[in-house]
Amino acid sequence: MHRQSVSQAACDSRLPTTNTQSLTLLVDGVYCGAMNSARETVVEVEGLSYSYDAFEALHGVAFRIQQGEIVGLLGPNGAGKTTTIKLVAGILSSSRGRIQVAGFHLPQQHLEAKKVTGFVPESAGLYECLSGKEFLELSGRLQGVEEKVLQTKIRVLLEIFDLHNVRVARIAGYSKGMRQKILLSAALLHNPKVLLLDEPLSGLDVASSILIKDLLAALAAQGKTILYSSHVLDVVEKVCNRALIIDGGNLIADAPLDELKSRTMENSLESVFRKLTHSEDTKPKVERVLEILPL
């Protein structure tokens, strides 16, 4: 039997009305935190379900993300995180549920929504015959960025991400980290209102990771809305204001990080995650591996 999910309306009916007050509540099995009613809701998902043939990957997921928020999307492997991001990005479509991004309804207005969305997938097939600069030019022109402005943005991004010296080299020869920088740059070219990031720090070195984390904080401060999916919980803890936790296709938590820790009486996001997803103790598995190594 699937764990019961909860609509945002159900959460709203139980939340404080004062803008600055914040309280974690348990509603229908979902840890639910208060939202700031003074902020604009930019991403809204209601009753979202999705199936891959006979396998139902999402079961009635519902959440809202407000302007200026960086929200972490967490869950075990196969929980439905990437499916959720692809649905919000308009890469996948579902007739079950409702998605609205910056006022545009998906899938009906997917082209309009994509114009205000920057998407960094977990893994992407880049055009390897192109150079990094050519790929960014293609991406910017498809988004309608004015040519003079586009060239300025590309020059700055290539310099900032230390790709200027390989700008005319084919992507086929790029490392994983260099490819990730190209994807991040492409997502920013059209100055999107919403950023959807699936493991955005994958393959990046320490200096580049710090740069991206600082950049995301600055973008949020400017009013960008960011959904950040990752398995690296310590990074999510540093970057995000709030967490959505999905397990088995069900939303089981939606609250600010401090509230989740307080409600679960845990002192780290990793401990909260283990408790809410009922992650099994790793010690027996570790001991078993150590047992067989000398064989």
Protein backbone atom coordinates (compact mmCIF):
# COMPACT_ATOMS: atom_id res chain seq x y z
CA MET A 1 0.00 0.00 0.00
CA HIS A 2 1.31 3.48 -0.88
CA ARG A 3 2.05 5.94 1.91
CA GLN A 4 -0.63 8.61 1.90
CA SER A 5 0.41 11.97 0.46
CA VAL A 6 -1.08 15.37 1.24
CA SER A 7 -2.11 18.30 -0.92
CA GLN A 8 -0.73 21.76 -0.19
CA ALA A 9 -4.29 22.87 0.52
CA ALA A 10 -4.43 20.40 3.40
CA CYS A 11 -1.20 21.84 4.77
CA ASP A 12 -2.41 25.41 4.32
CA SER A 13 -5.58 24.75 6.32
CA ARG A 14 -3.48 23.77 9.32
CA LEU A 15 -0.77 26.43 9.13
CA PRO A 16 -0.39 29.73 11.05
CA THR A 17 -1.61 32.84 9.24
CA THR A 18 1.07 35.24 10.51
CA ASN A 19 3.63 35.84 7.77
CA THR A 20 6.68 35.50 10.00
CA GLN A 21 5.46 32.57 12.07
CA SER A 22 6.72 29.12 11.14
CA LEU A 23 5.67 25.82 12.65
CA THR A 24 6.23 22.24 11.56
CA LEU A 25 3.12 20.09 11.60
CA LEU A 26 2.38 16.50 10.80
CA VAL A 27 -0.56 16.39 8.38
CA ASP A 28 -1.75 13.04 7.00
CA GLY A 29 1.74 11.61 7.50
CA VAL A 30 3.62 14.49 5.84
CA TYR A 31 5.88 16.84 7.77
CA CYS A 32 4.59 20.21 6.59
CA GLY A 33 6.04 23.66 7.29
CA ALA A 34 4.47 27.10 7.08
CA MET A 35 5.03 29.30 4.03
CA ASN A 36 5.45 33.07 3.82
CA SER A 37 2.18 34.33 2.38
CA ALA A 38 3.81 37.65 1.40
CA ARG A 39 5.93 35.94 -1.29
CA GLU A 40 4.80 35.07 -4.79
CA THR A 41 4.29 31.37 -5.49
CA VAL A 42 6.34 30.63 -8.62
CA VAL A 43 6.18 26.83 -8.87
CA GLU A 44 2.99 25.00 -7.91
CA VAL A 45 2.43 21.26 -8.14
CA GLU A 46 -0.85 19.64 -7.12
CA GLY A 47 -1.87 15.96 -7.11
CA LEU A 48 0.92 14.98 -9.52
CA SER A 49 1.18 11.32 -10.49
CA TYR A 50 3.28 9.66 -13.19
CA SER A 51 3.80 6.12 -14.43
CA TYR A 52 6.42 4.36 -16.51
CA ASP A 53 4.25 1.66 -18.11
CA ALA A 54 2.92 -0.35 -15.15
CA PHE A 55 5.26 1.26 -12.60
CA GLU A 56 3.81 4.29 -10.84
CA ALA A 57 6.75 6.56 -10.02
CA LEU A 58 4.81 9.41 -8.36
CA HIS A 59 1.64 9.28 -6.29
CA GLY A 60 -0.26 12.56 -5.88
CA VAL A 61 2.75 14.77 -5.09
CA ALA A 62 1.94 18.38 -4.13
CA PHE A 63 4.15 21.34 -3.19
CA ARG A 64 4.73 25.03 -3.81
CA ILE A 65 7.97 26.99 -4.18
CA GLN A 66 8.01 30.71 -3.59
CA GLN A 67 10.09 33.47 -5.13
CA GLY A 68 13.61 33.59 -3.73
CA GLU A 69 13.55 30.10 -2.24
CA ILE A 70 16.18 27.40 -2.74
CA VAL A 71 14.33 24.16 -2.06
CA GLY A 72 16.10 20.82 -1.80
CA LEU A 73 14.48 17.79 -3.41
CA LEU A 74 15.65 14.67 -1.58
CA GLY A 75 14.94 10.97 -1.64
CA PRO A 76 16.47 7.51 -2.03
CA ASN A 77 17.40 6.15 -5.46
CA GLY A 78 14.24 5.58 -7.49
CA ALA A 79 12.11 7.73 -5.18
CA GLY A 80 10.88 9.99 -8.02
CA LYS A 81 13.15 13.05 -7.74
CA THR A 82 14.34 13.16 -11.35
CA THR A 83 10.84 12.35 -12.60
CA THR A 84 9.50 15.29 -10.59
CA ILE A 85 12.10 17.70 -11.98
CA LYS A 86 11.53 16.53 -15.55
CA LEU A 87 7.78 17.06 -15.17
CA VAL A 88 8.27 20.59 -13.80
CA ALA A 89 10.78 21.27 -16.60
CA GLY A 90 8.29 20.14 -19.25
CA ILE A 91 10.51 17.27 -20.40
CA LEU A 92 7.86 14.75 -19.33
CA SER A 93 4.12 15.37 -19.25
CA SER A 94 1.34 13.90 -17.18
CA SER A 95 -2.43 14.21 -17.41
CA ARG A 96 -2.74 13.37 -13.71
CA GLY A 97 -2.25 16.43 -11.57
CA ARG A 98 -1.50 20.10 -12.12
CA ILE A 99 1.80 21.94 -12.66
CA GLN A 100 2.18 25.70 -12.92
CA VAL A 101 5.52 27.46 -13.46
CA ALA A 102 5.66 31.28 -13.34
CA GLY A 103 1.96 31.39 -14.18
CA PHE A 104 2.18 28.95 -17.10
CA HIS A 105 0.31 25.65 -17.00
CA LEU A 106 2.07 22.43 -18.00
CA PRO A 107 1.97 20.64 -20.34
CA GLN A 108 -0.34 23.04 -22.23
CA GLN A 109 2.03 26.04 -22.04
CA HIS A 110 5.31 24.13 -21.92
CA LEU A 111 7.06 26.38 -24.45
CA GLU A 112 6.23 29.53 -22.49
CA ALA A 113 7.33 27.85 -19.24
CA LYS A 114 10.64 26.75 -20.75
CA LYS A 115 11.42 30.35 -21.70
CA VAL A 116 11.51 31.30 -18.03
CA THR A 117 13.16 28.08 -16.79
CA GLY A 118 16.80 27.03 -16.66
CA PHE A 119 17.26 23.25 -16.45
CA VAL A 120 20.44 21.37 -15.55
CA PRO A 121 19.81 17.60 -15.90
CA GLU A 122 21.67 14.93 -13.98
CA SER A 123 23.08 13.64 -17.25
CA ALA A 124 22.71 15.27 -20.62
CA GLY A 125 23.70 14.38 -24.14
CA LEU A 126 25.69 17.37 -25.38
CA TYR A 127 26.45 17.97 -29.05
CA GLU A 128 30.02 16.70 -28.90
CA CYS A 129 30.90 17.91 -32.39
CA LEU A 130 30.40 21.50 -31.21
CA SER A 131 32.82 23.56 -29.17
CA GLY A 132 31.76 24.87 -25.77
CA LYS A 133 31.30 28.35 -27.21
CA GLU A 134 29.23 27.03 -30.13
CA PHE A 135 26.98 25.04 -27.80
CA LEU A 136 26.32 28.14 -25.69
CA GLU A 137 25.63 30.18 -28.82
CA LEU A 138 23.12 27.56 -29.96
CA SER A 139 21.45 27.46 -26.54
CA GLY A 140 21.22 31.25 -26.27
CA ARG A 141 19.84 31.71 -29.79
CA LEU A 142 17.19 29.05 -29.20
CA GLN A 143 16.14 31.05 -26.14
CA GLY A 144 15.99 34.26 -28.17
CA VAL A 145 18.84 36.09 -26.44
CA GLU A 146 19.91 39.16 -28.45
CA GLU A 147 23.20 38.41 -30.22
CA LYS A 148 25.37 41.17 -28.76
CA VAL A 149 24.11 40.43 -25.25
CA LEU A 150 24.58 36.70 -25.84
CA GLN A 151 28.24 37.09 -26.83
CA THR A 152 28.91 39.19 -23.72
CA LYS A 153 27.27 36.61 -21.46
CA ILE A 154 29.14 33.73 -23.07
CA ARG A 155 32.49 35.50 -22.72
CA VAL A 156 31.91 36.22 -19.03
CA LEU A 157 30.62 32.74 -18.20
CA LEU A 158 33.50 31.03 -19.99
CA GLU A 159 35.97 33.19 -18.08
CA ILE A 160 34.25 32.71 -14.72
CA PHE A 161 34.16 28.92 -15.16
CA ASP A 162 37.78 28.74 -16.42
CA LEU A 163 36.73 27.53 -19.86
CA HIS A 164 38.02 30.44 -21.93
CA ASN A 165 41.14 28.60 -23.05
CA VAL A 166 39.10 25.61 -24.34
CA ARG A 167 36.20 27.62 -25.75
CA VAL A 168 36.90 26.52 -29.36
CA ALA A 169 37.76 22.91 -28.48
CA ARG A 170 35.15 20.25 -29.18
CA ILE A 171 33.00 19.15 -26.25
CA ALA A 172 34.00 15.56 -27.07
CA GLY A 173 37.33 16.29 -25.41
CA TYR A 174 35.88 17.95 -22.29
CA SER A 175 36.06 16.36 -18.85
CA LYS A 176 32.87 15.67 -16.86
CA GLY A 177 33.40 18.80 -14.79
CA MET A 178 33.90 20.97 -17.90
CA ARG A 179 30.70 19.58 -19.43
CA GLN A 180 28.84 20.37 -16.23
CA LYS A 181 30.05 23.96 -16.36
CA ILE A 182 28.74 24.25 -19.93
CA LEU A 183 25.34 22.93 -18.82
CA LEU A 184 25.21 25.38 -15.92
CA SER A 185 26.20 28.25 -18.20
CA ALA A 186 23.56 27.31 -20.77
CA ALA A 187 20.88 27.28 -18.06
CA LEU A 188 21.75 30.86 -17.06
CA LEU A 189 22.06 32.53 -20.49
CA HIS A 190 18.42 33.64 -20.79
CA ASN A 191 18.23 34.93 -17.19
CA PRO A 192 15.52 32.45 -16.13
CA LYS A 193 13.06 33.10 -13.34
CA VAL A 194 13.21 29.44 -12.27
CA LEU A 195 16.22 27.10 -12.01
CA LEU A 196 15.72 23.33 -11.90
CA LEU A 197 18.97 21.61 -10.91
CA ASP A 198 19.50 17.84 -10.79
CA GLU A 199 22.86 17.06 -9.11
CA PRO A 200 24.36 20.37 -10.37
CA LEU A 201 27.72 19.89 -8.62
CA SER A 202 28.39 16.50 -10.21
CA GLY A 203 31.97 16.32 -11.46
CA LEU A 204 32.94 19.80 -10.27
CA ASP A 205 36.11 20.48 -8.33
CA VAL A 206 36.04 22.12 -4.89
CA ALA A 207 36.60 25.67 -6.13
CA SER A 208 33.87 25.39 -8.77
CA SER A 209 31.44 23.85 -6.26
CA ILE A 210 31.99 26.76 -3.87
CA LEU A 211 31.45 29.20 -6.74
CA ILE A 212 28.14 27.55 -7.70
CA LYS A 213 26.89 27.47 -4.09
CA ASP A 214 27.68 31.18 -3.66
CA LEU A 215 26.12 31.97 -7.04
CA LEU A 216 22.89 30.15 -6.15
CA ALA A 217 22.62 32.10 -2.90
CA ALA A 218 23.09 35.36 -4.82
CA LEU A 219 20.52 34.39 -7.45
CA ALA A 220 17.98 33.52 -4.76
CA ALA A 221 18.63 36.88 -3.11
CA GLN A 222 17.75 38.48 -6.46
CA GLY A 223 14.42 36.62 -6.48
CA LYS A 224 15.22 33.52 -8.54
CA THR A 225 13.31 30.37 -7.57
CA ILE A 226 15.47 27.26 -7.34
CA LEU A 227 14.63 23.55 -7.03
CA TYR A 228 17.82 21.66 -6.15
CA SER A 229 17.89 17.86 -6.28
CA SER A 230 20.87 16.05 -4.79
CA HIS A 231 22.03 13.05 -2.79
CA VAL A 232 24.78 15.13 -1.16
CA LEU A 233 22.91 16.07 2.01
CA ASP A 234 25.60 18.21 3.60
CA VAL A 235 25.58 20.47 0.52
CA VAL A 236 21.76 20.66 0.56
CA GLU A 237 21.97 21.60 4.24
CA LYS A 238 24.26 24.53 3.42
CA VAL A 239 22.51 25.71 0.25
CA CYS A 240 18.77 25.19 0.73
CA ASN A 241 16.15 26.99 2.80
CA ARG A 242 13.69 24.12 2.77
CA ALA A 243 13.48 20.44 1.88
CA LEU A 244 11.02 18.25 0.05
CA ILE A 245 11.59 14.56 0.78
CA ILE A 246 10.13 11.94 -1.55
CA ASP A 247 10.10 8.25 -0.73
CA GLY A 248 8.53 5.59 -2.93
CA GLY A 249 6.88 8.23 -5.10
CA ASN A 250 5.20 9.91 -2.11
CA LEU A 251 5.98 13.30 -0.63
CA ILE A 252 6.73 12.60 3.04
CA ALA A 253 8.17 15.95 4.16
CA ASP A 254 7.96 19.61 3.15
CA ALA A 255 9.41 22.09 5.64
CA PRO A 256 12.36 24.37 6.45
CA LEU A 257 15.44 22.39 7.47
CA ASP A 258 15.53 23.67 11.05
CA GLU A 259 11.91 22.67 11.52
CA LEU A 260 12.53 19.17 10.22
CA LYS A 261 15.42 18.77 12.66
CA SER A 262 13.34 20.09 15.54
CA ARG A 263 10.31 17.95 14.76
CA THR A 264 12.34 14.77 14.36
CA MET A 265 14.69 15.67 17.25
CA GLU A 266 17.73 15.17 15.01
CA ASN A 267 20.73 17.47 14.63
CA SER A 268 21.59 16.89 10.96
CA LEU A 269 19.74 16.60 7.69
CA GLU A 270 21.27 13.16 7.16
CA SER A 271 19.76 11.95 10.44
CA VAL A 272 16.39 13.46 9.51
CA PHE A 273 16.55 11.73 6.14
CA ARG A 274 17.40 8.36 7.69
CA LYS A 275 14.52 8.63 10.14
CA LEU A 276 11.84 9.77 7.70
CA THR A 277 12.79 7.33 4.94
CA HIS A 278 13.31 4.50 7.44
CA SER A 279 16.80 3.91 6.04
CA GLU A 280 18.20 0.70 7.40
CA ASP A 281 21.25 0.54 9.62
CA THR A 282 24.36 0.25 7.45
CA LYS A 283 26.51 -1.41 10.11
CA PRO A 284 25.49 -5.05 9.31
CA LYS A 285 26.18 -4.48 5.61
CA VAL A 286 29.56 -2.93 6.30
CA GLU A 287 30.50 -5.83 8.57
CA ARG A 288 29.40 -8.34 5.94
CA VAL A 289 31.63 -6.73 3.27
CA LEU A 290 34.58 -6.73 5.66
CA GLU A 291 33.95 -10.42 6.36
CA ILE A 292 34.22 -11.50 2.73
CA LEU A 293 37.21 -9.38 1.70
CA PRO A 294 39.86 -11.75 3.12
CA LEU A 295 38.27 -14.81 1.41
